[in-house]
């Protein structure tokens, strides 16, 4: 993963599934989540976000820009270092310029993901991701917001096979069938 500052933009290139933490660390859908032990709401409904693992060599970029860097795991007695990560917010509700997310297709270019489909990223295995982030300094520590994201999904062998077949036929598996009649109920 490569991290650079370009003016106000923080550009991340080559992030992988390892960097965009999975499980409860990923909430592109914006669903409400509660702590299973306390019942306390830890993510309000509609608040989309994900956690980005920051390699040690890039920690200074995040510190210099006032990010809240968190640690997870590690065992000093065993010589294991913790992983460092930051929360990235995805503002689709109140932003005058909401982020755009694109899925990079193996043979078909880019597909812009509609906001109501962002949740499918929560369970996706990410082969590669490039993104642009911004620091927002209204409060201390600074918040980090997603501006744009380009994702390549790692497909299994059968998914690859059938995606190539659909591509060869010029078919879009997600397109509506024009001959399909609407159900009478």
Protein backbone atom coordinates (compact mmCIF):
# COMPACT_ATOMS: atom_id res chain seq x y z
CA UNK A 1 0.00 0.00 0.00
CA UNK A 2 1.26 3.46 -0.91
CA UNK A 3 0.13 6.63 0.92
CA UNK A 4 0.85 10.16 -0.34
CA UNK A 5 -0.43 13.66 0.31
CA UNK A 6 -1.51 15.63 -2.77
CA UNK A 7 -2.46 19.06 -1.52
CA UNK A 8 -5.42 18.44 0.81
CA UNK A 9 -6.00 14.96 -0.57
CA UNK A 10 -4.60 11.83 1.02
CA UNK A 11 -4.15 9.34 -1.82
CA UNK A 12 -4.04 5.63 -0.98
CA UNK A 13 -3.03 3.23 -3.74
CA UNK A 14 -2.84 -0.56 -3.65
CA UNK A 15 -4.80 -1.20 -0.46
CA UNK A 16 -6.01 -4.79 -0.10
CA UNK A 17 -8.44 -6.79 1.98
CA UNK A 18 -5.77 -6.81 4.70
CA UNK A 19 -5.75 -2.99 4.81
CA UNK A 20 -9.51 -2.41 4.66
CA UNK A 21 -10.35 -4.30 7.82
CA UNK A 22 -13.29 -6.69 7.57
CA UNK A 23 -15.99 -7.97 9.90
CA UNK A 24 -17.36 -5.43 12.35
CA UNK A 25 -14.62 -2.99 11.26
CA UNK A 26 -16.46 -2.47 7.93
CA UNK A 27 -19.86 -0.76 7.74
CA UNK A 28 -20.42 0.52 4.20
CA UNK A 29 -24.12 -0.35 4.66
CA UNK A 30 -24.48 2.08 7.55
CA UNK A 31 -26.40 -0.32 9.79
CA UNK A 32 -26.79 0.26 13.49
CA UNK A 33 -24.39 -1.83 15.55
CA UNK A 34 -24.38 -2.43 19.28
CA UNK A 35 -21.64 -3.65 21.55
CA UNK A 36 -22.62 -7.29 22.28
CA UNK A 37 -21.40 -7.00 25.88
CA UNK A 38 -22.94 -3.67 26.91
CA UNK A 39 -25.75 -3.18 24.39
CA UNK A 40 -24.44 0.35 23.80
CA UNK A 41 -24.83 1.67 20.23
CA UNK A 42 -21.36 1.87 18.68
CA UNK A 43 -22.52 2.78 15.16
CA UNK A 44 -25.74 4.72 14.60
CA UNK A 45 -28.01 3.76 11.70
CA UNK A 46 -27.04 5.60 8.51
CA UNK A 47 -23.43 6.25 9.56
CA UNK A 48 -21.28 4.53 6.93
CA UNK A 49 -17.60 3.92 7.65
CA UNK A 50 -14.71 1.50 7.47
CA UNK A 51 -11.40 1.08 9.24
CA UNK A 52 -8.15 1.34 7.35
CA UNK A 53 -5.04 -0.42 8.64
CA UNK A 54 -2.09 1.96 8.47
CA UNK A 55 1.36 0.43 7.89
CA UNK A 56 3.95 1.75 10.36
CA UNK A 57 5.90 3.61 7.68
CA UNK A 58 2.86 5.88 7.03
CA UNK A 59 1.83 6.60 10.63
CA UNK A 60 3.55 10.02 10.61
CA UNK A 61 1.36 11.25 7.72
CA UNK A 62 -1.75 10.45 9.76
CA UNK A 63 -0.30 11.86 13.02
CA UNK A 64 0.78 15.11 11.31
CA UNK A 65 -2.78 15.58 10.03
CA UNK A 66 -4.31 15.02 13.48
CA UNK A 67 -5.91 11.59 12.89
CA UNK A 68 -7.10 9.42 15.77
CA UNK A 69 -4.90 6.34 15.32
CA UNK A 70 -6.12 3.28 17.18
CA UNK A 71 -4.32 0.04 18.02
CA UNK A 72 -5.56 -3.52 17.99
CA UNK A 73 -3.98 -6.80 19.09
CA UNK A 74 -0.30 -7.45 19.40
CA UNK A 75 1.51 -9.14 22.24
CA UNK A 76 4.63 -7.34 23.49
CA UNK A 77 5.69 -10.42 25.50
CA UNK A 78 5.78 -12.43 22.27
CA UNK A 79 7.35 -9.63 20.23
CA UNK A 80 4.10 -9.03 18.27
CA UNK A 81 3.37 -5.42 17.39
CA UNK A 82 -0.25 -4.21 17.31
CA UNK A 83 -1.86 -3.10 14.08
CA UNK A 84 -2.66 0.59 13.74
CA UNK A 85 -5.84 1.75 12.08
CA UNK A 86 -8.02 4.81 11.47
CA UNK A 87 -11.75 5.16 10.94
CA UNK A 88 -12.81 6.54 7.55
CA UNK A 89 -16.28 8.10 7.34
CA UNK A 90 -18.46 7.85 4.23
CA UNK A 91 -20.82 10.85 4.22
CA UNK A 92 -23.68 10.12 1.82
CA UNK A 93 -26.35 11.99 3.80
CA UNK A 94 -25.28 15.59 4.35
CA UNK A 95 -22.30 16.15 2.07
CA UNK A 96 -22.70 18.60 -0.80
CA UNK A 97 -20.28 16.35 -2.72
CA UNK A 98 -20.83 12.74 -1.59
CA UNK A 99 -18.14 10.20 -2.40
CA UNK A 100 -18.31 8.00 -5.47
CA UNK A 101 -17.44 4.33 -5.32
CA UNK A 102 -16.54 2.35 -8.44
CA UNK A 103 -16.11 -1.38 -8.92
CA UNK A 104 -13.29 -2.11 -11.37
CA UNK A 105 -14.50 -4.88 -13.69
CA UNK A 106 -11.95 -7.37 -15.04
CA UNK A 107 -12.93 -6.79 -18.69
CA UNK A 108 -15.61 -4.10 -18.67
CA UNK A 109 -14.14 -0.94 -17.21
CA UNK A 110 -15.81 0.74 -14.25
CA UNK A 111 -19.22 0.36 -12.66
CA UNK A 112 -20.36 3.14 -10.33
CA UNK A 113 -21.97 1.63 -7.27
CA UNK A 114 -25.26 3.25 -6.21
CA UNK A 115 -25.32 4.37 -2.57
CA UNK A 116 -27.98 1.80 -1.67
CA UNK A 117 -25.57 -0.94 -2.84
CA UNK A 118 -22.55 0.17 -0.78
CA UNK A 119 -23.38 -2.55 1.76
CA UNK A 120 -22.20 -5.28 -0.60
CA UNK A 121 -18.63 -4.12 0.10
CA UNK A 122 -18.99 -5.21 3.74
CA UNK A 123 -18.63 -8.88 2.76
CA UNK A 124 -16.43 -8.41 -0.30
CA UNK A 125 -12.90 -9.79 -0.56
CA UNK A 126 -10.94 -6.80 -1.86
CA UNK A 127 -8.10 -7.58 -4.24
CA UNK A 128 -7.08 -3.93 -4.68
CA UNK A 129 -8.39 -0.51 -3.71
CA UNK A 130 -7.32 3.03 -4.56
CA UNK A 131 -8.93 5.90 -2.70
CA UNK A 132 -8.83 9.60 -2.00
CA UNK A 133 -9.45 10.76 1.57
CA UNK A 134 -9.63 14.17 3.27
CA UNK A 135 -8.94 15.21 6.86
CA UNK A 136 -11.63 17.36 8.45
CA UNK A 137 -10.25 19.49 11.28
CA UNK A 138 -13.39 20.89 12.91
CA UNK A 139 -12.74 18.84 16.05
CA UNK A 140 -9.70 17.27 17.66
CA UNK A 141 -8.81 14.62 16.62
CA UNK A 142 -9.44 15.21 12.93
CA UNK A 143 -12.05 13.11 11.14
CA UNK A 144 -11.20 11.34 7.90
CA UNK A 145 -13.69 11.27 5.01
CA UNK A 146 -13.79 9.23 1.82
CA UNK A 147 -13.91 11.25 -1.42
CA UNK A 148 -13.59 8.46 -3.96
CA UNK A 149 -12.89 4.73 -4.05
CA UNK A 150 -11.99 2.30 -6.84
CA UNK A 151 -12.31 -1.36 -5.81
CA UNK A 152 -11.31 -4.56 -7.53
CA UNK A 153 -13.06 -7.58 -6.06
CA UNK A 154 -11.18 -10.86 -5.80
CA UNK A 155 -13.35 -13.43 -7.52
CA UNK A 156 -13.26 -17.18 -7.04
CA UNK A 157 -12.61 -19.50 -10.01
CA UNK A 158 -16.29 -20.01 -10.91
CA UNK A 159 -17.12 -16.32 -10.64
CA UNK A 160 -14.18 -15.56 -12.94
CA UNK A 161 -15.36 -18.21 -15.41
CA UNK A 162 -18.94 -16.96 -15.61
CA UNK A 163 -17.97 -13.29 -15.63
CA UNK A 164 -15.72 -14.03 -18.65
CA UNK A 165 -18.57 -15.95 -20.33
CA UNK A 166 -21.05 -13.11 -19.81
CA UNK A 167 -18.46 -10.66 -21.08
CA UNK A 168 -17.83 -12.75 -24.22
CA UNK A 169 -21.58 -12.80 -24.89
CA UNK A 170 -21.78 -9.06 -24.30
CA UNK A 171 -24.34 -9.71 -21.58
CA UNK A 172 -24.81 -7.83 -18.35
CA UNK A 173 -25.91 -10.25 -15.61
CA UNK A 174 -27.42 -7.34 -13.69
CA UNK A 175 -29.50 -5.95 -16.54
CA UNK A 176 -33.28 -6.26 -16.44
CA UNK A 177 -34.85 -8.71 -18.88
CA UNK A 178 -36.94 -6.64 -21.36
CA UNK A 179 -39.16 -9.69 -22.08
CA UNK A 180 -39.92 -10.35 -18.43
CA UNK A 181 -43.51 -9.56 -17.50
CA UNK A 182 -44.38 -7.91 -14.23
CA UNK A 183 -45.94 -10.22 -11.66
CA UNK A 184 -49.74 -9.71 -11.37
CA UNK A 185 -49.57 -9.41 -7.58
